[in-house]
Amino acid sequence: MSISQEDLQKISKKLSKIPADNPKLLQNISDIVEYMDLLAEVDTENVIPTISVVENYALLREDIKIDAPATPDELLACSKQKVVAHQIVLPNIMN
């Protein structure tokens, strides 16, 4: 499937940044569409999807529950930040 000059003009009307009378652009877009058609023919039925070609495993520590004798208010008192209504007030980062 290739793209025609009329198709390119329709696209360029919607995307005003694309010049409709550029033959090199028309050829590039046609090549891309032909390549996508070629990729559509590839059988990927039993292929496992991947996000990386390298197998990376996250090394995470095991969660360990520790019974803490401190109350939430005592933990907030350890913070150097300002505490209001049992919550730490963060500085404003949106200026």
C-alpha atoms as a PDB file:
ATOM      1  CA  MET A   1       0.000   0.000   0.000  1.00  0.00           C
ATOM      2  CA  SER A   2       1.416   3.341  -0.976  1.00  0.00           C
ATOM      3  CA  ILE A   3       0.185   6.813  -0.255  1.00  0.00           C
ATOM      4  CA  SER A   4      -1.075   9.030  -3.061  1.00  0.00           C
ATOM      5  CA  GLN A   5      -0.596  12.734  -3.583  1.00  0.00           C
ATOM      6  CA  GLU A   6      -4.251  13.275  -2.689  1.00  0.00           C
ATOM      7  CA  ASP A   7      -3.792  11.387   0.586  1.00  0.00           C
ATOM      8  CA  LEU A   8      -0.795  13.539   1.405  1.00  0.00           C
ATOM      9  CA  GLN A   9      -2.799  16.691   0.696  1.00  0.00           C
ATOM     10  CA  LYS A  10      -5.554  15.505   3.053  1.00  0.00           C
ATOM     11  CA  ILE A  11      -2.981  14.817   5.761  1.00  0.00           C
ATOM     12  CA  SER A  12      -1.285  18.157   5.219  1.00  0.00           C
ATOM     13  CA  LYS A  13      -4.572  20.030   5.578  1.00  0.00           C
ATOM     14  CA  LYS A  14      -4.999  18.486   9.007  1.00  0.00           C
ATOM     15  CA  LEU A  15      -1.348  18.979   9.908  1.00  0.00           C
ATOM     16  CA  SER A  16      -0.467  22.357   8.488  1.00  0.00           C
ATOM     17  CA  LYS A  17       3.259  21.886   9.140  1.00  0.00           C
ATOM     18  CA  ILE A  18       3.560  19.273   6.369  1.00  0.00           C
ATOM     19  CA  PRO A  19       4.048  20.764   2.896  1.00  0.00           C
ATOM     20  CA  ALA A  20       1.662  18.975   0.510  1.00  0.00           C
ATOM     21  CA  ASP A  21       3.756  19.494  -2.627  1.00  0.00           C
ATOM     22  CA  ASN A  22       6.995  17.888  -1.406  1.00  0.00           C
ATOM     23  CA  PRO A  23       7.804  14.794  -3.536  1.00  0.00           C
ATOM     24  CA  LYS A  24      10.617  13.681  -1.209  1.00  0.00           C
ATOM     25  CA  LEU A  25       8.239  13.749   1.757  1.00  0.00           C
ATOM     26  CA  LEU A  26       5.676  11.802  -0.242  1.00  0.00           C
ATOM     27  CA  GLN A  27       8.297   9.148  -0.999  1.00  0.00           C
ATOM     28  CA  ASN A  28       9.382   8.963   2.664  1.00  0.00           C
ATOM     29  CA  ILE A  29       5.816   8.535   3.890  1.00  0.00           C
ATOM     30  CA  SER A  30       5.134   5.919   1.187  1.00  0.00           C
ATOM     31  CA  ASP A  31       8.260   4.007   2.242  1.00  0.00           C
ATOM     32  CA  ILE A  32       7.120   4.061   5.866  1.00  0.00           C
ATOM     33  CA  VAL A  33       3.639   2.804   4.951  1.00  0.00           C
ATOM     34  CA  GLU A  34       5.118   0.018   2.796  1.00  0.00           C
ATOM     35  CA  TYR A  35       7.419  -1.016   5.645  1.00  0.00           C
ATOM     36  CA  MET A  36       4.473  -1.110   8.048  1.00  0.00           C
ATOM     37  CA  ASP A  37       2.638  -3.358   5.576  1.00  0.00           C
ATOM     38  CA  LEU A  38       5.689  -5.628   5.470  1.00  0.00           C
ATOM     39  CA  LEU A  39       5.785  -5.780   9.277  1.00  0.00           C
ATOM     40  CA  ALA A  40       2.073  -6.644   9.360  1.00  0.00           C
ATOM     41  CA  GLU A  41       2.882  -9.846   7.427  1.00  0.00           C
ATOM     42  CA  VAL A  42       5.232 -11.144  10.140  1.00  0.00           C
ATOM     43  CA  ASP A  43       3.790 -14.008  12.208  1.00  0.00           C
ATOM     44  CA  THR A  44       4.172 -13.025  15.882  1.00  0.00           C
ATOM     45  CA  GLU A  45       1.667 -15.458  17.359  1.00  0.00           C
ATOM     46  CA  ASN A  46       4.047 -17.341  19.681  1.00  0.00           C
ATOM     47  CA  VAL A  47       6.479 -14.492  20.297  1.00  0.00           C
ATOM     48  CA  ILE A  48       6.797 -13.332  23.887  1.00  0.00           C
ATOM     49  CA  PRO A  49       6.473  -9.530  24.137  1.00  0.00           C
ATOM     50  CA  THR A  50       9.582  -7.809  25.465  1.00  0.00           C
ATOM     51  CA  ILE A  51      10.453  -4.316  26.593  1.00  0.00           C
ATOM     52  CA  SER A  52      14.187  -4.858  26.358  1.00  0.00           C
ATOM     53  CA  VAL A  53      16.559  -7.076  24.436  1.00  0.00           C
ATOM     54  CA  VAL A  54      18.647  -7.534  27.591  1.00  0.00           C
ATOM     55  CA  GLU A  55      17.278  -9.564  30.488  1.00  0.00           C
ATOM     56  CA  ASN A  56      17.349  -7.266  33.500  1.00  0.00           C
ATOM     57  CA  TYR A  57      16.000  -8.352  36.818  1.00  0.00           C
ATOM     58  CA  ALA A  58      15.355  -5.864  39.580  1.00  0.00           C
ATOM     59  CA  LEU A  59      17.228  -6.857  42.694  1.00  0.00           C
ATOM     60  CA  LEU A  60      14.824  -5.975  45.457  1.00  0.00           C
ATOM     61  CA  ARG A  61      15.254  -6.541  49.130  1.00  0.00           C
ATOM     62  CA  GLU A  62      12.765  -8.605  51.046  1.00  0.00           C
ATOM     63  CA  ASP A  63      10.303  -6.578  53.080  1.00  0.00           C
ATOM     64  CA  ILE A  64      10.769  -7.104  56.783  1.00  0.00           C
ATOM     65  CA  LYS A  65       8.131  -5.957  59.222  1.00  0.00           C
ATOM     66  CA  ILE A  66       9.544  -4.381  62.350  1.00  0.00           C
ATOM     67  CA  ASP A  67       7.273  -3.643  65.263  1.00  0.00           C
ATOM     68  CA  ALA A  68       7.891   0.033  65.989  1.00  0.00           C
ATOM     69  CA  PRO A  69       6.985   1.225  69.457  1.00  0.00           C
ATOM     70  CA  ALA A  70       6.734   4.835  68.232  1.00  0.00           C
ATOM     71  CA  THR A  71       3.356   6.431  67.530  1.00  0.00           C
ATOM     72  CA  PRO A  72       2.723   8.392  64.339  1.00  0.00           C
ATOM     73  CA  ASP A  73       2.896  11.676  66.276  1.00  0.00           C
ATOM     74  CA  GLU A  74       6.289  10.697  67.702  1.00  0.00           C
ATOM     75  CA  LEU A  75       7.560   9.890  64.233  1.00  0.00           C
ATOM     76  CA  LEU A  76       6.332  13.265  62.938  1.00  0.00           C
ATOM     77  CA  ALA A  77       8.112  14.981  65.800  1.00  0.00           C
ATOM     78  CA  CYS A  78      11.400  13.550  64.459  1.00  0.00           C
ATOM     79  CA  SER A  79      10.993  15.522  61.233  1.00  0.00           C
ATOM     80  CA  LYS A  80      12.735  18.868  60.835  1.00  0.00           C
ATOM     81  CA  GLN A  81       9.926  19.895  58.478  1.00  0.00           C
ATOM     82  CA  LYS A  82       6.914  21.896  59.592  1.00  0.00           C
ATOM     83  CA  VAL A  83       4.009  19.676  60.720  1.00  0.00           C
ATOM     84  CA  VAL A  84       0.379  20.797  60.345  1.00  0.00           C
ATOM     85  CA  ALA A  85      -2.675  18.621  61.083  1.00  0.00           C
ATOM     86  CA  HIS A  86      -0.514  15.516  61.547  1.00  0.00           C
ATOM     87  CA  GLN A  87       1.091  15.990  58.114  1.00  0.00           C
ATOM     88  CA  ILE A  88       4.521  17.216  57.003  1.00  0.00           C
ATOM     89  CA  VAL A  89       4.305  20.500  55.088  1.00  0.00           C
ATOM     90  CA  LEU A  90       6.428  20.427  51.960  1.00  0.00           C
ATOM     91  CA  PRO A  91       7.891  23.566  50.409  1.00  0.00           C
ATOM     92  CA  ASN A  92       6.053  24.997  47.436  1.00  0.00           C
ATOM     93  CA  ILE A  93       7.740  23.828  44.241  1.00  0.00           C
ATOM     94  CA  MET A  94       5.212  25.366  41.823  1.00  0.00           C
ATOM     95  CA  ASN A  95       6.071  29.015  41.263  1.00  0.00           C
END
